[in-house]
């Protein structure tokens, strides 16, 4: 079942990329490429959980590091300008909870990459902190924030 799910995600990603290549509109192409990246990231999260042990607890620190390394490799084109760092205390979660956290982290990191740095460059930090029975997960960046009056970049972006 896991193998079929992974194959289905790969087929969907391939179809999206074929449609992106055939798209006449640059905007449509970008949307299809974005969807392609998201499907591949879901496949990465699924594969990561599947290979780490079917129902065994997942060590969240290494899992988040591998996930963010994959995000960085697929979405950050110049790591000298933009960095994605993980700081994680020791702790485990069920595979289902880890998958949900992986999907949330993926969405937050993608949003930061798309919106926080209109002129390029910046830092994104994924942090998992454990305090006794409580834990906190955060994604932060040093980007422009939700300001509609962002000054355009020197190149007009």
Protein backbone atom coordinates (compact mmCIF):
# COMPACT_ATOMS: atom_id res chain seq x y z
CA UNK A 1 0.00 0.00 0.00
CA UNK A 2 2.80 2.43 0.91
CA UNK A 3 4.58 1.63 -2.35
CA UNK A 4 1.43 2.28 -4.40
CA UNK A 5 0.87 5.57 -2.60
CA UNK A 6 4.45 6.66 -3.31
CA UNK A 7 4.13 5.65 -6.97
CA UNK A 8 0.86 7.57 -7.27
CA UNK A 9 2.50 10.71 -5.89
CA UNK A 10 5.37 10.36 -8.36
CA UNK A 11 2.92 9.97 -11.26
CA UNK A 12 0.98 13.07 -10.16
CA UNK A 13 4.23 15.05 -9.86
CA UNK A 14 5.30 13.93 -13.35
CA UNK A 15 1.96 14.93 -14.88
CA UNK A 16 2.17 18.36 -13.23
CA UNK A 17 5.67 18.90 -14.62
CA UNK A 18 4.60 17.83 -18.12
CA UNK A 19 1.71 20.29 -17.96
CA UNK A 20 4.08 23.02 -16.70
CA UNK A 21 6.41 22.47 -19.67
CA UNK A 22 3.46 22.72 -22.07
CA UNK A 23 1.92 25.81 -20.44
CA UNK A 24 1.86 28.95 -22.57
CA UNK A 25 1.48 31.35 -19.65
CA UNK A 26 4.43 32.00 -17.33
CA UNK A 27 2.02 32.40 -14.41
CA UNK A 28 0.36 29.05 -15.14
CA UNK A 29 3.80 27.45 -15.46
CA UNK A 30 4.82 28.81 -12.03
CA UNK A 31 1.61 27.53 -10.41
CA UNK A 32 2.08 24.06 -11.91
CA UNK A 33 5.74 23.97 -10.84
CA UNK A 34 4.69 25.00 -7.33
CA UNK A 35 2.12 22.18 -7.24
CA UNK A 36 4.81 19.79 -8.54
CA UNK A 37 7.15 20.80 -5.69
CA UNK A 38 4.41 20.35 -3.10
CA UNK A 39 3.52 16.87 -4.33
CA UNK A 40 7.20 15.88 -4.26
CA UNK A 41 7.50 17.23 -0.72
CA UNK A 42 4.48 15.21 0.42
CA UNK A 43 6.13 12.18 -1.18
CA UNK A 44 9.33 12.98 0.71
CA UNK A 45 7.49 13.22 4.03
CA UNK A 46 5.71 9.93 3.32
CA UNK A 47 8.93 8.17 2.26
CA UNK A 48 10.80 9.48 5.29
CA UNK A 49 8.17 8.10 7.65
CA UNK A 50 7.88 4.81 5.80
CA UNK A 51 11.63 4.12 5.87
CA UNK A 52 11.99 5.12 9.52
CA UNK A 53 9.88 2.25 10.81
CA UNK A 54 6.26 1.48 10.10
CA UNK A 55 4.76 2.15 13.52
CA UNK A 56 7.84 2.96 15.57
CA UNK A 57 8.10 6.37 17.26
CA UNK A 58 9.93 8.92 15.10
CA UNK A 59 12.92 10.88 16.45
CA UNK A 60 11.73 14.36 15.57
CA UNK A 61 15.11 16.15 15.43
CA UNK A 62 16.67 13.98 12.70
CA UNK A 63 13.33 13.79 10.88
CA UNK A 64 12.98 17.60 10.79
CA UNK A 65 16.61 17.98 9.71
CA UNK A 66 16.17 15.56 6.78
CA UNK A 67 12.89 17.21 5.80
CA UNK A 68 14.39 20.71 5.87
CA UNK A 69 17.48 19.54 3.96
CA UNK A 70 15.15 18.24 1.25
CA UNK A 71 13.18 21.50 1.24
CA UNK A 72 16.38 23.49 1.05
CA UNK A 73 17.80 21.41 -1.79
CA UNK A 74 14.62 21.66 -3.84
CA UNK A 75 13.62 25.26 -3.19
CA UNK A 76 16.65 27.35 -2.19
CA UNK A 77 18.71 28.12 -5.24
CA UNK A 78 21.53 30.02 -3.49
CA UNK A 79 22.24 28.82 0.05
CA UNK A 80 24.70 31.68 0.52
CA UNK A 81 21.75 34.08 0.46
CA UNK A 82 19.00 32.06 2.14
CA UNK A 83 19.47 29.56 4.95
CA UNK A 84 17.10 27.03 6.51
CA UNK A 85 18.25 25.83 9.93
CA UNK A 86 16.78 23.31 12.37
CA UNK A 87 17.25 23.40 16.14
CA UNK A 88 15.64 20.42 17.85
CA UNK A 89 15.64 18.96 21.33
CA UNK A 90 15.46 15.18 21.69
CA UNK A 91 11.96 13.77 21.45
CA UNK A 92 9.79 11.26 19.60
CA UNK A 93 6.32 11.24 18.08
CA UNK A 94 4.05 8.71 16.47
CA UNK A 95 4.41 8.41 12.69
CA UNK A 96 0.97 9.99 12.19
CA UNK A 97 1.82 13.01 14.36
CA UNK A 98 5.23 13.34 12.69
CA UNK A 99 3.62 13.29 9.24
CA UNK A 100 1.23 16.06 10.25
CA UNK A 101 4.10 18.11 11.68
CA UNK A 102 6.10 17.51 8.51
CA UNK A 103 3.26 18.80 6.33
CA UNK A 104 2.80 21.87 8.55
CA UNK A 105 6.54 22.63 8.51
CA UNK A 106 6.59 22.20 4.73
CA UNK A 107 3.77 24.70 4.23
CA UNK A 108 5.27 27.25 6.63
CA UNK A 109 8.74 27.02 5.07
CA UNK A 110 7.31 27.31 1.55
CA UNK A 111 5.32 30.39 2.61
CA UNK A 112 8.43 31.96 4.13
CA UNK A 113 10.45 31.27 0.98
CA UNK A 114 7.72 32.69 -1.25
CA UNK A 115 6.76 35.78 0.75
CA UNK A 116 9.34 36.74 3.40
CA UNK A 117 12.24 37.61 1.11
CA UNK A 118 11.00 39.53 -1.96
CA UNK A 119 14.53 40.75 -2.65
CA UNK A 120 16.11 37.38 -1.87
CA UNK A 121 18.21 36.24 1.05
CA UNK A 122 17.28 35.59 4.64
CA UNK A 123 17.17 33.08 7.44
CA UNK A 124 14.46 30.57 8.32
CA UNK A 125 14.61 28.71 11.62
CA UNK A 126 12.60 25.58 12.44
CA UNK A 127 12.72 24.98 16.18
CA UNK A 128 11.42 22.07 18.25
CA UNK A 129 11.78 22.58 22.00
CA UNK A 130 10.80 20.13 24.73
CA UNK A 131 10.09 21.16 28.32
CA UNK A 132 9.11 18.14 30.46
CA UNK A 133 5.78 16.89 29.03
CA UNK A 134 5.27 19.95 26.82
CA UNK A 135 6.78 20.77 23.48
CA UNK A 136 6.80 23.77 21.17
CA UNK A 137 7.31 23.86 17.44
CA UNK A 138 8.00 27.12 15.63
CA UNK A 139 9.02 28.37 12.22
CA UNK A 140 10.44 31.87 12.13
CA UNK A 141 12.23 34.04 9.60
CA UNK A 142 13.87 37.44 9.39
CA UNK A 143 11.81 38.49 6.36
CA UNK A 144 9.73 41.57 5.64
CA UNK A 145 6.63 40.48 7.58
CA UNK A 146 3.00 41.01 6.56
CA UNK A 147 3.51 44.57 5.33
CA UNK A 148 1.63 45.52 2.15
CA UNK A 149 3.82 48.56 1.59
CA UNK A 150 7.06 46.69 1.02
CA UNK A 151 9.62 48.79 -0.81
CA UNK A 152 10.35 47.29 -4.23
CA UNK A 153 13.72 45.65 -4.76
CA UNK A 154 16.37 47.37 -6.81
CA UNK A 155 15.53 45.10 -9.76
CA UNK A 156 11.81 46.03 -9.63
CA UNK A 157 10.48 42.94 -7.80
